[in-house]
Amino acid sequence: MNHQLYEKLQSTEPYSREELGWLLDHIGAADASIRDDLVYASFCHALLDGLVTRTDLDWLAGEIMKRNLLFYRRS
């Protein structure tokens, strides 16, 4: 998936739900090249360039809330 997502950074193809899920799964990766160069850059590319459908954006928001990814070490 890494290679596929690095290629996606150079394209204008929409992101699939599978790709978005992989990015969510690796949002806190210890490997900085995955976390910063792939996950962060991919979310910026996908959201700022409108490469996520409305349905997948709603799904993404729900997953973020369900996984409690908005807050760091929230009690």
N, C-alpha and C. Protein backbone atom coordinates (compact mmCIF):
# COMPACT_ATOMS: atom_id res chain seq x y z
N MET A 1 0.83 -1.20 0.00
CA MET A 1 0.00 0.00 0.00
C MET A 1 0.87 1.26 0.00
N ASN A 2 2.05 1.20 0.63
CA ASN A 2 2.92 2.37 0.67
C ASN A 2 3.20 2.89 -0.73
N HIS A 3 3.64 1.99 -1.60
CA HIS A 3 4.00 2.38 -2.97
C HIS A 3 2.80 2.98 -3.70
N GLN A 4 1.66 2.36 -3.54
CA GLN A 4 0.43 2.84 -4.17
C GLN A 4 0.09 4.25 -3.69
N LEU A 5 0.24 4.51 -2.41
CA LEU A 5 -0.09 5.82 -1.87
C LEU A 5 0.94 6.88 -2.26
N TYR A 6 2.21 6.49 -2.35
CA TYR A 6 3.22 7.44 -2.82
C TYR A 6 2.92 7.85 -4.26
N GLU A 7 2.49 6.91 -5.08
CA GLU A 7 2.11 7.22 -6.46
C GLU A 7 0.88 8.12 -6.50
N LYS A 8 -0.04 7.87 -5.59
CA LYS A 8 -1.28 8.64 -5.53
C LYS A 8 -0.99 10.12 -5.24
N LEU A 9 0.09 10.40 -4.51
CA LEU A 9 0.45 11.78 -4.22
C LEU A 9 0.74 12.59 -5.49
N GLN A 10 1.10 11.88 -6.56
CA GLN A 10 1.42 12.54 -7.82
C GLN A 10 0.24 12.54 -8.80
N SER A 11 -0.91 12.07 -8.35
CA SER A 11 -2.05 11.94 -9.27
C SER A 11 -3.24 12.76 -8.78
N THR A 12 -4.26 12.78 -9.59
CA THR A 12 -5.50 13.46 -9.22
C THR A 12 -6.66 12.47 -9.12
N GLU A 13 -6.33 11.19 -8.96
CA GLU A 13 -7.36 10.16 -8.79
C GLU A 13 -7.90 10.22 -7.36
N PRO A 14 -9.20 9.99 -7.21
CA PRO A 14 -9.78 9.99 -5.86
C PRO A 14 -9.20 8.88 -4.99
N TYR A 15 -9.17 9.11 -3.70
CA TYR A 15 -8.71 8.11 -2.74
C TYR A 15 -9.85 7.15 -2.43
N SER A 16 -9.52 5.88 -2.36
CA SER A 16 -10.52 4.86 -2.03
C SER A 16 -10.69 4.77 -0.52
N ARG A 17 -11.76 4.16 -0.10
CA ARG A 17 -11.98 3.96 1.32
C ARG A 17 -10.91 3.06 1.92
N GLU A 18 -10.46 2.09 1.15
CA GLU A 18 -9.38 1.21 1.61
C GLU A 18 -8.11 2.02 1.87
N GLU A 19 -7.79 2.93 0.97
CA GLU A 19 -6.61 3.77 1.14
C GLU A 19 -6.77 4.71 2.34
N LEU A 20 -7.93 5.29 2.49
CA LEU A 20 -8.19 6.17 3.63
C LEU A 20 -8.09 5.39 4.93
N GLY A 21 -8.60 4.18 4.95
CA GLY A 21 -8.51 3.33 6.15
C GLY A 21 -7.08 3.01 6.50
N TRP A 22 -6.26 2.72 5.48
CA TRP A 22 -4.84 2.44 5.72
C TRP A 22 -4.16 3.66 6.32
N LEU A 23 -4.48 4.83 5.78
CA LEU A 23 -3.90 6.07 6.30
C LEU A 23 -4.29 6.28 7.76
N LEU A 24 -5.55 6.04 8.08
CA LEU A 24 -5.99 6.16 9.48
C LEU A 24 -5.26 5.17 10.38
N ASP A 25 -5.08 3.95 9.90
CA ASP A 25 -4.40 2.92 10.69
C ASP A 25 -2.95 3.30 10.98
N HIS A 26 -2.36 4.14 10.15
CA HIS A 26 -0.94 4.48 10.28
C HIS A 26 -0.71 5.94 10.68
N ILE A 27 -1.73 6.59 11.18
CA ILE A 27 -1.64 8.01 11.50
C ILE A 27 -0.63 8.30 12.61
N GLY A 28 -0.39 7.38 13.49
CA GLY A 28 0.57 7.59 14.57
C GLY A 28 1.79 6.70 14.43
N ALA A 29 2.15 6.33 13.21
CA ALA A 29 3.27 5.42 12.97
C ALA A 29 4.56 5.97 13.57
N ALA A 30 5.36 5.08 14.13
CA ALA A 30 6.65 5.47 14.69
C ALA A 30 7.62 5.88 13.60
N ASP A 31 7.49 5.29 12.43
CA ASP A 31 8.35 5.61 11.28
C ASP A 31 7.94 6.96 10.71
N ALA A 32 8.81 7.94 10.85
CA ALA A 32 8.50 9.31 10.41
C ALA A 32 8.22 9.40 8.92
N SER A 33 8.87 8.56 8.12
CA SER A 33 8.63 8.62 6.68
C SER A 33 7.21 8.20 6.35
N ILE A 34 6.67 7.26 7.09
CA ILE A 34 5.27 6.87 6.88
C ILE A 34 4.35 7.93 7.46
N ARG A 35 4.58 8.31 8.70
CA ARG A 35 3.70 9.25 9.40
C ARG A 35 3.68 10.61 8.73
N ASP A 36 4.83 11.18 8.47
CA ASP A 36 4.91 12.55 7.97
C ASP A 36 4.88 12.65 6.45
N ASP A 37 5.71 11.83 5.81
CA ASP A 37 5.84 11.94 4.36
C ASP A 37 4.72 11.26 3.59
N LEU A 38 4.06 10.29 4.20
CA LEU A 38 2.99 9.58 3.49
C LEU A 38 1.62 9.90 4.05
N VAL A 39 1.42 9.65 5.34
CA VAL A 39 0.08 9.83 5.92
C VAL A 39 -0.33 11.30 5.93
N TYR A 40 0.48 12.15 6.51
CA TYR A 40 0.15 13.57 6.59
C TYR A 40 0.01 14.17 5.19
N ALA A 41 0.99 13.88 4.33
CA ALA A 41 0.96 14.43 2.97
C ALA A 41 -0.24 13.92 2.19
N SER A 42 -0.59 12.65 2.37
CA SER A 42 -1.74 12.08 1.66
C SER A 42 -3.05 12.70 2.10
N PHE A 43 -3.22 12.88 3.42
CA PHE A 43 -4.45 13.52 3.88
C PHE A 43 -4.55 14.95 3.37
N CYS A 44 -3.45 15.67 3.38
CA CYS A 44 -3.46 17.04 2.83
C CYS A 44 -3.84 17.03 1.36
N HIS A 45 -3.20 16.16 0.61
CA HIS A 45 -3.47 16.06 -0.83
C HIS A 45 -4.93 15.68 -1.08
N ALA A 46 -5.39 14.66 -0.39
CA ALA A 46 -6.75 14.17 -0.60
C ALA A 46 -7.81 15.21 -0.25
N LEU A 47 -7.64 15.86 0.87
CA LEU A 47 -8.67 16.80 1.34
C LEU A 47 -8.58 18.16 0.66
N LEU A 48 -7.39 18.69 0.51
CA LEU A 48 -7.25 20.01 -0.09
C LEU A 48 -7.54 20.01 -1.59
N ASP A 49 -7.27 18.88 -2.24
CA ASP A 49 -7.50 18.80 -3.68
C ASP A 49 -8.83 18.14 -4.04
N GLY A 50 -9.67 17.90 -3.04
CA GLY A 50 -11.00 17.36 -3.28
C GLY A 50 -11.00 15.96 -3.86
N LEU A 51 -10.12 15.11 -3.37
CA LEU A 51 -9.99 13.75 -3.89
C LEU A 51 -10.67 12.71 -3.01
N VAL A 52 -11.63 13.16 -2.21
CA VAL A 52 -12.41 12.28 -1.34
C VAL A 52 -13.88 12.58 -1.62
N THR A 53 -14.66 11.54 -1.87
CA THR A 53 -16.09 11.76 -2.12
C THR A 53 -16.77 12.21 -0.83
N ARG A 54 -17.93 12.80 -0.96
CA ARG A 54 -18.69 13.25 0.21
C ARG A 54 -19.02 12.06 1.13
N THR A 55 -19.38 10.95 0.53
CA THR A 55 -19.69 9.74 1.30
C THR A 55 -18.48 9.26 2.08
N ASP A 56 -17.32 9.24 1.42
CA ASP A 56 -16.10 8.80 2.11
C ASP A 56 -15.63 9.83 3.13
N LEU A 57 -15.89 11.10 2.88
CA LEU A 57 -15.55 12.13 3.86
C LEU A 57 -16.39 11.96 5.12
N ASP A 58 -17.67 11.65 4.96
CA ASP A 58 -18.54 11.37 6.11
C ASP A 58 -18.05 10.14 6.87
N TRP A 59 -17.66 9.09 6.11
CA TRP A 59 -17.13 7.88 6.73
C TRP A 59 -15.85 8.19 7.49
N LEU A 60 -14.97 8.98 6.87
CA LEU A 60 -13.71 9.35 7.49
C LEU A 60 -13.93 10.11 8.80
N ALA A 61 -14.85 11.05 8.80
CA ALA A 61 -15.17 11.80 10.02
C ALA A 61 -15.68 10.87 11.11
N GLY A 62 -16.53 9.93 10.74
CA GLY A 62 -17.05 8.97 11.71
C GLY A 62 -15.96 8.09 12.28
N GLU A 63 -15.04 7.64 11.44
CA GLU A 63 -13.92 6.82 11.90
C GLU A 63 -13.00 7.59 12.83
N ILE A 64 -12.76 8.84 12.51
CA ILE A 64 -11.91 9.68 13.36
C ILE A 64 -12.53 9.83 14.74
N MET A 65 -13.83 10.04 14.79
CA MET A 65 -14.51 10.16 16.08
C MET A 65 -14.53 8.82 16.82
N LYS A 66 -14.83 7.74 16.09
CA LYS A 66 -14.91 6.42 16.70
C LYS A 66 -13.55 5.99 17.28
N ARG A 67 -12.49 6.33 16.59
CA ARG A 67 -11.14 5.95 17.03
C ARG A 67 -10.53 6.97 17.98
N ASN A 68 -11.26 8.05 18.23
CA ASN A 68 -10.80 9.11 19.14
C ASN A 68 -9.44 9.67 18.71
N LEU A 69 -9.34 10.04 17.44
CA LEU A 69 -8.07 10.50 16.89
C LEU A 69 -7.90 12.02 16.93
N LEU A 70 -8.89 12.73 17.39
CA LEU A 70 -8.78 14.19 17.42
C LEU A 70 -7.98 14.72 18.59
N PHE A 71 -7.90 13.95 19.64
CA PHE A 71 -7.27 14.44 20.86
C PHE A 71 -6.15 13.51 21.28
N TYR A 72 -5.02 14.06 21.65
CA TYR A 72 -3.88 13.29 22.10
C TYR A 72 -3.99 13.04 23.61
N ARG A 73 -4.04 11.79 23.96
CA ARG A 73 -4.10 11.36 25.38
C ARG A 73 -5.21 12.04 26.17
N ARG A 74 -6.36 12.10 25.55
CA ARG A 74 -7.53 12.67 26.24
C ARG A 74 -8.06 11.67 27.24
N SER A 75 -8.34 12.12 28.42
CA SER A 75 -8.84 11.19 29.45
C SER A 75 -10.34 11.15 29.48
